[in-house]
């Protein structure tokens, strides 16, 4: 049974943030709200956490995981960022955007795309998320909490609990969240390619 934590969306309680971070460091799997929708998350070295996400989502080894970062300095440790890419990412962060970029050697091989060597990265506009990442000291490996057969993610913590209570270690409730996943922007080519149109204003790319 998952631990259910009510964390304030504007002023996250340090004690609850630290409880969650301890679970992540121990290889656990959490469900947490972002500025777009609920996500599943684990630590970088949590091999079993990745497999648990794949089982819940029913996705294969080519699934693009996302590294949720606290700021641009941390993001740039894990992906290769050119000058044009830098400007675009800076203009759109923090916000509900996921960027697909070439992974650096800091990214474990098992979580980068097996052929393209890419990974998704994002900096959410969420105090809870940034508090978690800052306390953890590394990005959270994440995937949208979209269950097989469902068209939208759950919007409330109790819905996550009802669906996945025995498959998670922590469920964070910070009030209602959205049900629209991030917009996914592929920046590996010469021009930005919108791979998924979701939350956030995409007019800068038009």
N, C-alpha and C. Protein backbone atom coordinates (compact mmCIF):
# COMPACT_ATOMS: atom_id res chain seq x y z
N UNK A 1 0.84 -1.20 0.00
CA UNK A 1 0.00 0.00 0.00
C UNK A 1 0.88 1.25 0.00
N UNK A 2 0.57 2.21 -0.88
CA UNK A 2 1.37 3.42 -1.01
C UNK A 2 1.16 4.37 0.17
N UNK A 3 2.20 5.09 0.52
CA UNK A 3 2.09 6.17 1.49
C UNK A 3 1.45 7.37 0.79
N UNK A 4 0.42 7.96 1.40
CA UNK A 4 -0.33 9.05 0.79
C UNK A 4 0.04 10.34 1.50
N UNK A 5 0.65 11.28 0.76
CA UNK A 5 1.15 12.50 1.37
C UNK A 5 0.46 13.72 0.77
N UNK A 6 -0.10 14.56 1.64
CA UNK A 6 -0.69 15.83 1.22
C UNK A 6 0.39 16.91 1.32
N UNK A 7 0.89 17.35 0.18
CA UNK A 7 1.96 18.35 0.15
C UNK A 7 1.41 19.65 -0.43
N UNK A 8 1.67 20.74 0.27
CA UNK A 8 1.13 22.04 -0.14
C UNK A 8 1.75 22.45 -1.48
N UNK A 9 0.92 22.87 -2.46
CA UNK A 9 1.44 23.19 -3.79
C UNK A 9 2.32 24.44 -3.85
N UNK A 10 2.13 25.38 -2.92
CA UNK A 10 2.88 26.63 -2.95
C UNK A 10 4.02 26.62 -1.94
N UNK A 11 3.80 26.02 -0.79
CA UNK A 11 4.81 25.99 0.28
C UNK A 11 5.01 24.54 0.73
N UNK A 12 5.71 23.73 -0.09
CA UNK A 12 5.86 22.30 0.24
C UNK A 12 6.52 22.09 1.60
N UNK A 13 5.94 21.19 2.40
CA UNK A 13 6.48 20.92 3.72
C UNK A 13 7.80 20.15 3.60
N UNK A 14 8.92 20.69 4.12
CA UNK A 14 10.21 20.02 4.00
C UNK A 14 10.21 18.60 4.53
N UNK A 15 9.46 18.36 5.61
CA UNK A 15 9.42 17.00 6.19
C UNK A 15 8.84 15.99 5.20
N UNK A 16 7.79 16.39 4.49
CA UNK A 16 7.16 15.48 3.54
C UNK A 16 7.99 15.33 2.27
N UNK A 17 8.65 16.41 1.88
CA UNK A 17 9.56 16.32 0.73
C UNK A 17 10.68 15.34 1.04
N UNK A 18 11.23 15.43 2.25
CA UNK A 18 12.33 14.54 2.63
C UNK A 18 11.86 13.09 2.73
N UNK A 19 10.65 12.85 3.21
CA UNK A 19 10.11 11.48 3.24
C UNK A 19 10.06 10.90 1.83
N UNK A 20 9.59 11.70 0.89
CA UNK A 20 9.49 11.24 -0.49
C UNK A 20 10.86 10.98 -1.09
N UNK A 21 11.81 11.87 -0.82
CA UNK A 21 13.16 11.72 -1.35
C UNK A 21 13.82 10.46 -0.81
N UNK A 22 13.58 10.14 0.45
CA UNK A 22 14.14 8.90 1.01
C UNK A 22 13.63 7.68 0.25
N UNK A 23 12.35 7.71 -0.10
CA UNK A 23 11.78 6.60 -0.87
C UNK A 23 12.44 6.51 -2.25
N UNK A 24 12.64 7.66 -2.89
CA UNK A 24 13.30 7.67 -4.20
C UNK A 24 14.72 7.14 -4.09
N UNK A 25 15.45 7.56 -3.08
CA UNK A 25 16.84 7.10 -2.91
C UNK A 25 16.91 5.61 -2.65
N UNK A 26 15.86 5.06 -2.06
CA UNK A 26 15.81 3.62 -1.77
C UNK A 26 15.31 2.81 -2.97
N UNK A 27 15.15 3.49 -4.12
CA UNK A 27 14.73 2.78 -5.33
C UNK A 27 13.24 2.71 -5.53
N UNK A 28 12.46 3.47 -4.75
CA UNK A 28 11.00 3.40 -4.82
C UNK A 28 10.41 4.15 -6.00
N UNK A 29 9.11 3.97 -6.17
CA UNK A 29 8.36 4.58 -7.26
C UNK A 29 7.27 5.48 -6.68
N UNK A 30 7.18 6.70 -7.21
CA UNK A 30 6.18 7.64 -6.71
C UNK A 30 5.25 8.10 -7.84
N UNK A 31 4.08 8.58 -7.44
CA UNK A 31 3.19 9.30 -8.35
C UNK A 31 3.10 10.72 -7.82
N UNK A 32 3.35 11.70 -8.68
CA UNK A 32 3.38 13.08 -8.20
C UNK A 32 2.79 14.03 -9.23
N UNK A 33 2.18 15.13 -8.76
CA UNK A 33 1.57 16.08 -9.68
C UNK A 33 2.61 17.02 -10.27
N UNK A 34 2.43 17.37 -11.54
CA UNK A 34 3.31 18.34 -12.19
C UNK A 34 2.46 19.53 -12.65
N UNK A 35 3.08 20.42 -13.41
CA UNK A 35 2.33 21.56 -13.93
C UNK A 35 1.48 21.19 -15.15
N UNK A 36 1.53 19.93 -15.56
CA UNK A 36 0.67 19.48 -16.66
C UNK A 36 -0.30 18.41 -16.17
N UNK A 37 0.22 17.33 -15.61
CA UNK A 37 -0.64 16.24 -15.13
C UNK A 37 0.17 15.37 -14.17
N UNK A 38 -0.44 14.30 -13.67
CA UNK A 38 0.29 13.37 -12.80
C UNK A 38 1.36 12.62 -13.58
N UNK A 39 2.46 12.31 -12.88
CA UNK A 39 3.56 11.56 -13.48
C UNK A 39 4.00 10.47 -12.51
N UNK A 40 4.63 9.45 -13.07
CA UNK A 40 5.32 8.42 -12.30
C UNK A 40 6.79 8.79 -12.25
N UNK A 41 7.44 8.58 -11.10
CA UNK A 41 8.84 8.98 -11.00
C UNK A 41 9.68 8.06 -10.14
N UNK A 42 10.96 7.95 -10.51
CA UNK A 42 11.93 7.18 -9.73
C UNK A 42 13.30 7.85 -9.87
N UNK A 43 14.28 7.34 -9.15
CA UNK A 43 15.62 7.90 -9.21
C UNK A 43 16.38 7.36 -10.42
N UNK A 44 17.45 8.05 -10.79
CA UNK A 44 18.23 7.68 -11.97
C UNK A 44 18.74 6.25 -11.95
N UNK A 45 19.21 5.79 -10.82
CA UNK A 45 19.80 4.45 -10.74
C UNK A 45 18.80 3.37 -10.31
N UNK A 46 17.53 3.71 -10.29
CA UNK A 46 16.51 2.75 -9.83
C UNK A 46 16.08 1.85 -10.99
N UNK A 47 16.84 0.80 -11.22
CA UNK A 47 16.53 -0.12 -12.33
C UNK A 47 15.13 -0.69 -12.20
N UNK A 48 14.78 -1.13 -11.01
CA UNK A 48 13.45 -1.72 -10.82
C UNK A 48 12.36 -0.66 -10.99
N UNK A 49 12.67 0.58 -10.60
CA UNK A 49 11.70 1.66 -10.78
C UNK A 49 11.34 1.85 -12.24
N UNK A 50 12.34 1.81 -13.12
CA UNK A 50 12.09 1.93 -14.56
C UNK A 50 11.20 0.80 -15.05
N UNK A 51 11.49 -0.41 -14.60
CA UNK A 51 10.69 -1.57 -15.03
C UNK A 51 9.26 -1.47 -14.50
N UNK A 52 9.11 -0.96 -13.30
CA UNK A 52 7.76 -0.81 -12.75
C UNK A 52 6.96 0.21 -13.56
N UNK A 53 7.63 1.30 -13.98
CA UNK A 53 6.94 2.28 -14.83
C UNK A 53 6.53 1.63 -16.15
N UNK A 54 7.44 0.87 -16.75
CA UNK A 54 7.12 0.20 -18.02
C UNK A 54 5.95 -0.76 -17.86
N UNK A 55 5.92 -1.47 -16.74
CA UNK A 55 4.81 -2.41 -16.52
C UNK A 55 3.49 -1.68 -16.34
N UNK A 56 3.50 -0.60 -15.56
CA UNK A 56 2.27 0.16 -15.33
C UNK A 56 1.77 0.79 -16.63
N UNK A 57 2.70 1.38 -17.38
CA UNK A 57 2.34 2.05 -18.62
C UNK A 57 2.16 1.08 -19.78
N UNK A 58 2.72 -0.13 -19.64
CA UNK A 58 2.71 -1.14 -20.71
C UNK A 58 3.39 -0.59 -21.96
N UNK A 59 4.63 -0.12 -21.77
CA UNK A 59 5.43 0.41 -22.87
C UNK A 59 6.71 -0.42 -23.00
N UNK A 60 7.35 -0.34 -24.17
CA UNK A 60 8.53 -1.13 -24.44
C UNK A 60 9.83 -0.40 -24.12
N UNK A 61 10.95 -1.01 -24.53
CA UNK A 61 12.27 -0.47 -24.22
C UNK A 61 12.58 0.81 -24.99
N UNK A 62 11.78 1.10 -26.04
CA UNK A 62 12.03 2.32 -26.81
C UNK A 62 11.24 3.52 -26.28
N UNK A 63 10.60 3.35 -25.12
CA UNK A 63 9.84 4.45 -24.54
C UNK A 63 10.77 5.58 -24.11
N UNK A 64 10.43 6.80 -24.48
CA UNK A 64 11.22 7.97 -24.08
C UNK A 64 10.85 8.40 -22.67
N UNK A 65 11.74 8.14 -21.72
CA UNK A 65 11.55 8.66 -20.37
C UNK A 65 11.94 10.13 -20.34
N UNK A 66 11.49 10.81 -19.31
CA UNK A 66 11.80 12.23 -19.16
C UNK A 66 12.56 12.46 -17.86
N UNK A 67 13.60 13.28 -17.94
CA UNK A 67 14.32 13.70 -16.75
C UNK A 67 13.74 15.04 -16.30
N UNK A 68 13.12 15.04 -15.15
CA UNK A 68 12.56 16.27 -14.59
C UNK A 68 13.65 16.97 -13.80
N UNK A 69 14.03 18.17 -14.25
CA UNK A 69 15.16 18.90 -13.68
C UNK A 69 14.67 20.12 -12.90
N UNK A 70 15.53 20.61 -12.02
CA UNK A 70 15.17 21.77 -11.21
C UNK A 70 15.47 23.09 -11.91
N UNK A 71 16.50 23.09 -12.78
CA UNK A 71 16.87 24.32 -13.47
C UNK A 71 17.66 23.98 -14.73
N UNK A 72 18.01 25.02 -15.49
CA UNK A 72 18.71 24.80 -16.75
C UNK A 72 20.11 24.24 -16.55
N UNK A 73 20.78 24.66 -15.48
CA UNK A 73 22.13 24.17 -15.22
C UNK A 73 22.13 22.65 -15.05
N UNK A 74 21.14 22.14 -14.33
CA UNK A 74 21.05 20.70 -14.15
C UNK A 74 20.67 20.01 -15.46
N UNK A 75 19.73 20.58 -16.19
CA UNK A 75 19.30 20.00 -17.47
C UNK A 75 20.48 19.83 -18.41
N UNK A 76 21.35 20.84 -18.48
CA UNK A 76 22.45 20.81 -19.45
C UNK A 76 23.53 19.79 -19.10
N UNK A 77 23.47 19.19 -17.92
CA UNK A 77 24.40 18.10 -17.59
C UNK A 77 24.01 16.80 -18.28
N UNK A 78 22.74 16.69 -18.66
CA UNK A 78 22.23 15.41 -19.13
C UNK A 78 21.88 15.37 -20.61
N UNK A 79 21.85 16.53 -21.27
CA UNK A 79 21.57 16.58 -22.71
C UNK A 79 22.51 17.58 -23.39
N UNK A 80 22.72 17.38 -24.68
CA UNK A 80 23.57 18.27 -25.46
C UNK A 80 22.73 19.44 -25.95
N UNK A 81 23.15 20.64 -25.60
CA UNK A 81 22.36 21.84 -25.90
C UNK A 81 23.17 22.79 -26.77
N UNK A 82 22.71 23.01 -28.00
CA UNK A 82 23.34 23.97 -28.90
C UNK A 82 22.85 25.37 -28.55
N UNK A 83 23.46 26.39 -29.15
CA UNK A 83 23.04 27.77 -28.87
C UNK A 83 21.59 28.04 -29.24
N UNK A 84 21.12 27.65 -30.45
CA UNK A 84 19.70 27.86 -30.78
C UNK A 84 18.77 27.10 -29.83
N UNK A 85 19.18 25.89 -29.47
CA UNK A 85 18.38 25.09 -28.54
C UNK A 85 18.32 25.77 -27.18
N UNK A 86 19.44 26.31 -26.75
CA UNK A 86 19.52 27.01 -25.46
C UNK A 86 18.48 28.12 -25.40
N UNK A 87 18.41 28.93 -26.45
CA UNK A 87 17.48 30.06 -26.45
C UNK A 87 16.04 29.59 -26.39
N UNK A 88 15.72 28.56 -27.16
CA UNK A 88 14.34 28.06 -27.19
C UNK A 88 13.94 27.46 -25.85
N UNK A 89 14.80 26.63 -25.29
CA UNK A 89 14.48 25.99 -24.02
C UNK A 89 14.35 27.03 -22.91
N UNK A 90 15.25 28.02 -22.90
CA UNK A 90 15.18 29.06 -21.88
C UNK A 90 13.87 29.85 -21.98
N UNK A 91 13.40 30.08 -23.21
CA UNK A 91 12.16 30.84 -23.41
C UNK A 91 10.93 30.07 -22.95
N UNK A 92 11.01 28.74 -22.96
CA UNK A 92 9.84 27.92 -22.66
C UNK A 92 9.87 27.29 -21.27
N UNK A 93 10.90 27.58 -20.49
CA UNK A 93 10.98 26.98 -19.15
C UNK A 93 11.07 28.07 -18.09
N UNK A 94 10.54 27.76 -16.87
CA UNK A 94 9.82 26.52 -16.53
C UNK A 94 8.43 26.49 -17.16
N UNK A 95 7.97 25.31 -17.47
CA UNK A 95 6.66 25.19 -18.10
C UNK A 95 6.36 23.76 -18.51
N UNK A 96 5.17 23.52 -19.06
CA UNK A 96 4.72 22.16 -19.37
C UNK A 96 5.21 21.65 -20.73
N UNK A 97 6.54 21.65 -20.89
CA UNK A 97 7.14 21.22 -22.15
C UNK A 97 8.19 20.16 -21.89
N UNK A 98 8.20 19.14 -22.74
CA UNK A 98 9.25 18.13 -22.70
C UNK A 98 10.07 18.25 -23.98
N UNK A 99 11.39 18.31 -23.83
CA UNK A 99 12.28 18.46 -24.98
C UNK A 99 13.05 17.16 -25.20
N UNK A 100 13.03 16.66 -26.43
CA UNK A 100 13.81 15.48 -26.77
C UNK A 100 15.15 15.95 -27.32
N UNK A 101 16.24 15.53 -26.66
CA UNK A 101 17.58 15.94 -27.04
C UNK A 101 18.55 14.76 -26.93
N UNK A 102 19.71 14.92 -27.53
CA UNK A 102 20.74 13.88 -27.44
C UNK A 102 21.22 13.77 -25.99
N UNK A 103 21.31 12.56 -25.50
CA UNK A 103 21.73 12.34 -24.12
C UNK A 103 23.24 12.43 -23.98
N UNK A 104 23.70 12.94 -22.84
CA UNK A 104 25.13 12.90 -22.52
C UNK A 104 25.43 11.57 -21.82
N UNK A 105 26.70 11.38 -21.48
CA UNK A 105 27.10 10.15 -20.80
C UNK A 105 26.60 10.08 -19.37
N UNK A 106 26.04 11.19 -18.88
CA UNK A 106 25.48 11.19 -17.52
C UNK A 106 24.16 10.40 -17.46
N UNK A 107 23.55 10.17 -18.60
CA UNK A 107 22.27 9.46 -18.65
C UNK A 107 22.54 7.96 -18.72
N UNK A 108 22.02 7.17 -17.79
CA UNK A 108 22.20 5.72 -17.85
C UNK A 108 21.70 5.16 -19.18
N UNK A 109 22.46 4.26 -19.77
CA UNK A 109 22.12 3.72 -21.09
C UNK A 109 20.73 3.11 -21.14
N UNK A 110 20.32 2.49 -20.05
CA UNK A 110 19.04 1.77 -20.06
C UNK A 110 17.84 2.71 -20.17
N UNK A 111 18.04 4.01 -19.94
CA UNK A 111 16.88 4.90 -20.01
C UNK A 111 16.92 5.83 -21.22
N UNK A 112 18.03 5.85 -21.95
CA UNK A 112 18.06 6.59 -23.20
C UNK A 112 17.43 5.73 -24.30
N UNK A 113 16.96 6.38 -25.36
CA UNK A 113 16.39 5.64 -26.49
C UNK A 113 17.49 4.73 -27.04
N UNK A 114 17.20 3.41 -27.20
CA UNK A 114 18.26 2.46 -27.55
C UNK A 114 18.94 2.73 -28.89
N UNK A 115 18.24 3.34 -29.84
CA UNK A 115 18.82 3.60 -31.16
C UNK A 115 19.24 5.05 -31.33
N UNK A 116 18.37 5.95 -30.93
CA UNK A 116 18.64 7.38 -31.16
C UNK A 116 19.51 8.01 -30.09
N UNK A 117 19.67 7.33 -28.94
CA UNK A 117 20.45 7.87 -27.82
C UNK A 117 19.92 9.23 -27.37
N UNK A 118 18.61 9.33 -27.32
CA UNK A 118 17.96 10.57 -26.90
C UNK A 118 17.24 10.37 -25.57
N UNK A 119 16.88 11.48 -24.95
CA UNK A 119 16.11 11.41 -23.72
C UNK A 119 15.27 12.69 -23.63
N UNK A 120 14.15 12.61 -22.96
CA UNK A 120 13.33 13.78 -22.74
C UNK A 120 13.77 14.51 -21.48
N UNK A 121 13.72 15.83 -21.51
CA UNK A 121 14.05 16.64 -20.33
C UNK A 121 13.01 17.73 -20.18
N UNK A 122 12.77 18.15 -18.94
CA UNK A 122 11.85 19.26 -18.72
C UNK A 122 12.14 19.93 -17.38
N UNK A 123 11.71 21.19 -17.28
CA UNK A 123 11.79 21.95 -16.04
C UNK A 123 10.37 22.42 -15.73
N UNK A 124 9.67 21.76 -14.84
CA UNK A 124 8.27 22.09 -14.59
C UNK A 124 8.10 23.36 -13.76
N UNK A 125 6.98 24.01 -13.97
CA UNK A 125 6.64 25.19 -13.18
C UNK A 125 5.82 24.73 -11.98
N UNK A 126 6.47 24.00 -11.09
CA UNK A 126 5.82 23.42 -9.92
C UNK A 126 6.78 23.48 -8.74
N UNK A 127 6.37 24.12 -7.67
CA UNK A 127 7.25 24.22 -6.50
C UNK A 127 7.48 22.86 -5.86
N UNK A 128 6.46 22.00 -5.89
CA UNK A 128 6.61 20.66 -5.32
C UNK A 128 7.67 19.88 -6.10
N UNK A 129 7.57 19.91 -7.42
CA UNK A 129 8.52 19.17 -8.25
C UNK A 129 9.95 19.67 -8.05
N UNK A 130 10.10 21.00 -8.06
CA UNK A 130 11.46 21.54 -7.92
C UNK A 130 12.01 21.26 -6.53
N UNK A 131 11.15 21.28 -5.52
CA UNK A 131 11.61 20.95 -4.16
C UNK A 131 12.09 19.50 -4.08
N UNK A 132 11.36 18.61 -4.74
CA UNK A 132 11.76 17.20 -4.76
C UNK A 132 13.11 17.01 -5.44
N UNK A 133 13.25 17.61 -6.63
CA UNK A 133 14.49 17.44 -7.39
C UNK A 133 15.67 18.07 -6.66
N UNK A 134 15.47 19.25 -6.08
CA UNK A 134 16.55 19.90 -5.34
C UNK A 134 16.98 19.07 -4.13
N UNK A 135 16.01 18.50 -3.42
CA UNK A 135 16.33 17.69 -2.25
C UNK A 135 17.00 16.37 -2.66
N UNK A 136 16.58 15.83 -3.80
CA UNK A 136 17.16 14.58 -4.29
C UNK A 136 18.58 14.79 -4.80
N UNK A 137 18.83 15.97 -5.38
CA UNK A 137 20.16 16.26 -5.90
C UNK A 137 20.41 15.76 -7.30
N UNK A 138 19.38 15.27 -7.96
CA UNK A 138 19.48 14.78 -9.34
C UNK A 138 18.08 14.79 -9.94
N UNK A 139 17.97 14.69 -11.27
CA UNK A 139 16.64 14.67 -11.87
C UNK A 139 15.82 13.46 -11.44
N UNK A 140 14.51 13.61 -11.50
CA UNK A 140 13.61 12.49 -11.31
C UNK A 140 13.29 11.90 -12.68
N UNK A 141 13.45 10.60 -12.83
CA UNK A 141 13.10 9.92 -14.08
C UNK A 141 11.58 9.76 -14.10
N UNK A 142 10.94 10.31 -15.12
CA UNK A 142 9.48 10.39 -15.10
C UNK A 142 8.84 9.92 -16.39
N UNK A 143 7.55 9.60 -16.26
CA UNK A 143 6.70 9.26 -17.39
C UNK A 143 5.28 9.66 -17.03
N UNK A 144 4.55 10.19 -18.00
CA UNK A 144 3.16 10.58 -17.76
C UNK A 144 2.38 9.42 -17.17
N UNK A 145 1.57 9.69 -16.15
CA UNK A 145 0.77 8.63 -15.55
C UNK A 145 -0.50 8.42 -16.38
N UNK A 146 -0.30 7.79 -17.52
CA UNK A 146 -1.40 7.47 -18.42
C UNK A 146 -1.56 5.97 -18.45
N UNK A 147 -2.66 5.48 -17.89
CA UNK A 147 -2.88 4.05 -17.77
C UNK A 147 -3.37 3.45 -19.08
N UNK A 148 -3.01 2.20 -19.36
CA UNK A 148 -3.45 1.54 -20.60
C UNK A 148 -4.98 1.59 -20.73
N UNK A 149 -5.44 1.96 -21.91
CA UNK A 149 -6.87 2.01 -22.16
C UNK A 149 -7.53 3.32 -21.78
N UNK A 150 -6.80 4.20 -21.08
CA UNK A 150 -7.35 5.49 -20.67
C UNK A 150 -6.90 6.58 -21.64
N UNK A 151 -7.75 7.58 -21.83
CA UNK A 151 -7.41 8.68 -22.73
C UNK A 151 -6.75 9.85 -22.02
N UNK A 152 -7.01 9.99 -20.73
CA UNK A 152 -6.42 11.09 -19.96
C UNK A 152 -5.87 10.57 -18.63
N UNK A 153 -4.85 11.24 -18.08
CA UNK A 153 -4.33 10.86 -16.77
C UNK A 153 -5.34 11.22 -15.68
N UNK A 154 -5.20 10.64 -14.49
CA UNK A 154 -6.05 11.05 -13.36
C UNK A 154 -5.70 12.47 -12.94
N UNK A 155 -6.68 13.18 -12.38
CA UNK A 155 -6.46 14.57 -12.00
C UNK A 155 -6.36 14.76 -10.49
N UNK A 156 -6.65 13.71 -9.71
CA UNK A 156 -6.65 13.84 -8.26
C UNK A 156 -5.93 12.65 -7.62
N UNK A 157 -5.35 12.92 -6.45
CA UNK A 157 -4.58 11.89 -5.78
C UNK A 157 -5.38 10.64 -5.45
N UNK A 158 -6.63 10.82 -5.03
CA UNK A 158 -7.43 9.65 -4.65
C UNK A 158 -7.69 8.75 -5.86
N UNK A 159 -7.74 9.34 -7.05
CA UNK A 159 -7.92 8.52 -8.25
C UNK A 159 -6.68 7.68 -8.53
N UNK A 160 -5.51 8.28 -8.30
CA UNK A 160 -4.26 7.53 -8.44
C UNK A 160 -4.22 6.39 -7.43
N UNK A 161 -4.61 6.70 -6.19
CA UNK A 161 -4.62 5.69 -5.14
C UNK A 161 -5.56 4.54 -5.48
N UNK A 162 -6.72 4.88 -5.98
CA UNK A 162 -7.70 3.86 -6.33
C UNK A 162 -7.18 2.92 -7.42
N UNK A 163 -6.43 3.49 -8.37
CA UNK A 163 -5.96 2.70 -9.51
C UNK A 163 -4.65 1.96 -9.23
N UNK A 164 -3.76 2.55 -8.42
CA UNK A 164 -2.39 2.02 -8.34
C UNK A 164 -1.86 1.87 -6.92
N UNK A 165 -2.72 1.84 -5.93
CA UNK A 165 -2.29 1.85 -4.53
C UNK A 165 -1.21 0.83 -4.23
N UNK A 166 -1.36 -0.39 -4.74
CA UNK A 166 -0.43 -1.47 -4.40
C UNK A 166 0.76 -1.56 -5.36
N UNK A 167 0.82 -0.65 -6.33
CA UNK A 167 1.93 -0.67 -7.29
C UNK A 167 2.90 0.49 -7.09
N UNK A 168 2.59 1.34 -6.09
CA UNK A 168 3.42 2.52 -5.84
C UNK A 168 3.89 2.53 -4.40
N UNK A 169 4.91 3.34 -4.13
CA UNK A 169 5.42 3.50 -2.76
C UNK A 169 4.93 4.81 -2.12
N UNK A 170 4.77 5.86 -2.93
CA UNK A 170 4.28 7.15 -2.44
C UNK A 170 3.35 7.75 -3.48
N UNK A 171 2.24 8.33 -3.01
CA UNK A 171 1.35 9.13 -3.84
C UNK A 171 1.30 10.52 -3.22
N UNK A 172 1.63 11.53 -4.03
CA UNK A 172 1.58 12.91 -3.55
C UNK A 172 0.30 13.57 -4.02
N UNK A 173 -0.40 14.20 -3.09
CA UNK A 173 -1.61 14.95 -3.40
C UNK A 173 -1.34 16.42 -3.12
N UNK A 174 -1.43 17.25 -4.16
CA UNK A 174 -1.28 18.70 -3.99
C UNK A 174 -2.48 19.44 -4.55
N UNK A 175 -3.65 18.79 -4.48
CA UNK A 175 -4.85 19.38 -5.05
C UNK A 175 -5.04 18.93 -6.49
N UNK A 176 -6.09 19.43 -7.11
CA UNK A 176 -6.39 19.05 -8.49
C UNK A 176 -5.26 19.48 -9.42
N UNK A 177 -4.94 18.62 -10.37
CA UNK A 177 -3.96 18.96 -11.40
C UNK A 177 -4.62 18.77 -12.76
N UNK A 178 -3.92 19.18 -13.80
CA UNK A 178 -4.46 19.04 -15.15
C UNK A 178 -4.47 17.60 -15.62
N UNK A 179 -5.08 17.41 -16.77
CA UNK A 179 -5.12 16.08 -17.38
C UNK A 179 -4.49 16.08 -18.77
N UNK A 180 -3.86 17.20 -19.13
CA UNK A 180 -3.22 17.30 -20.45
C UNK A 180 -1.72 17.13 -20.29
N UNK A 181 -1.14 16.09 -20.90
CA UNK A 181 0.31 15.90 -20.79
C UNK A 181 1.08 17.06 -21.42
N UNK A 182 2.37 17.09 -21.18
CA UNK A 182 3.22 18.14 -21.74
C UNK A 182 3.21 18.10 -23.27
N UNK A 183 3.50 19.24 -23.86
CA UNK A 183 3.85 19.25 -25.28
C UNK A 183 5.26 18.69 -25.41
N UNK A 184 5.46 17.81 -26.39
CA UNK A 184 6.77 17.19 -26.59
C UNK A 184 7.40 17.78 -27.86
N UNK A 185 8.59 18.34 -27.70
CA UNK A 185 9.27 19.02 -28.79
C UNK A 185 10.60 18.33 -29.05
N UNK A 186 10.77 17.80 -30.26
CA UNK A 186 12.00 17.11 -30.65
C UNK A 186 12.98 18.15 -31.19
N UNK A 187 14.11 18.27 -30.52
CA UNK A 187 15.12 19.25 -30.90
C UNK A 187 16.39 18.59 -31.41
N UNK A 188 16.28 17.36 -31.89
CA UNK A 188 17.47 16.63 -32.35
C UNK A 188 17.79 16.93 -33.81
N UNK A 189 16.86 17.52 -34.55
CA UNK A 189 17.11 17.83 -35.96
C UNK A 189 17.45 19.29 -36.18
N UNK A 190 17.41 19.69 -37.44
CA UNK A 190 17.74 21.08 -37.79
C UNK A 190 16.64 22.05 -37.39
N UNK A 191 15.41 21.55 -37.35
CA UNK A 191 14.28 22.39 -36.92
C UNK A 191 13.52 21.68 -35.82
N UNK A 192 12.89 22.45 -34.96
CA UNK A 192 12.10 21.87 -33.87
C UNK A 192 10.88 21.16 -34.45
N UNK A 193 10.62 19.96 -33.96
CA UNK A 193 9.47 19.17 -34.42
C UNK A 193 8.55 18.89 -33.23
N UNK A 194 7.30 19.27 -33.35
CA UNK A 194 6.34 19.00 -32.29
C UNK A 194 5.87 17.55 -32.42
N UNK A 195 6.29 16.72 -31.48
CA UNK A 195 5.91 15.31 -31.53
C UNK A 195 4.58 15.05 -30.82
N UNK A 196 4.25 15.90 -29.87
CA UNK A 196 2.93 15.80 -29.21
C UNK A 196 2.49 17.19 -28.83
N UNK A 197 1.33 17.59 -29.29
CA UNK A 197 0.79 18.89 -28.92
C UNK A 197 -0.05 18.72 -27.67
N UNK A 198 0.45 19.25 -26.58
CA UNK A 198 -0.25 19.11 -25.30
C UNK A 198 -0.38 20.45 -24.61
N UNK A 199 -0.10 20.45 -23.31
CA UNK A 199 -0.21 21.68 -22.53
C UNK A 199 0.85 22.69 -22.97
N UNK A 200 0.57 23.96 -22.75
CA UNK A 200 1.53 25.01 -23.06
C UNK A 200 1.33 25.68 -24.40
N UNK A 201 1.77 26.92 -24.49
CA UNK A 201 1.66 27.72 -25.71
C UNK A 201 2.80 27.35 -26.66
N UNK A 202 2.46 26.98 -27.88
CA UNK A 202 3.45 26.57 -28.86
C UNK A 202 3.67 27.61 -29.95
N UNK A 203 3.18 28.82 -29.71
CA UNK A 203 3.26 29.85 -30.75
C UNK A 203 4.70 30.22 -31.10
N UNK A 204 5.64 30.05 -30.18
CA UNK A 204 7.04 30.35 -30.48
C UNK A 204 7.60 29.43 -31.55
N UNK A 205 6.97 28.29 -31.76
CA UNK A 205 7.47 27.32 -32.73
C UNK A 205 6.75 27.42 -34.07
N UNK A 206 5.77 28.29 -34.18
CA UNK A 206 4.97 28.38 -35.39
C UNK A 206 5.68 29.24 -36.42
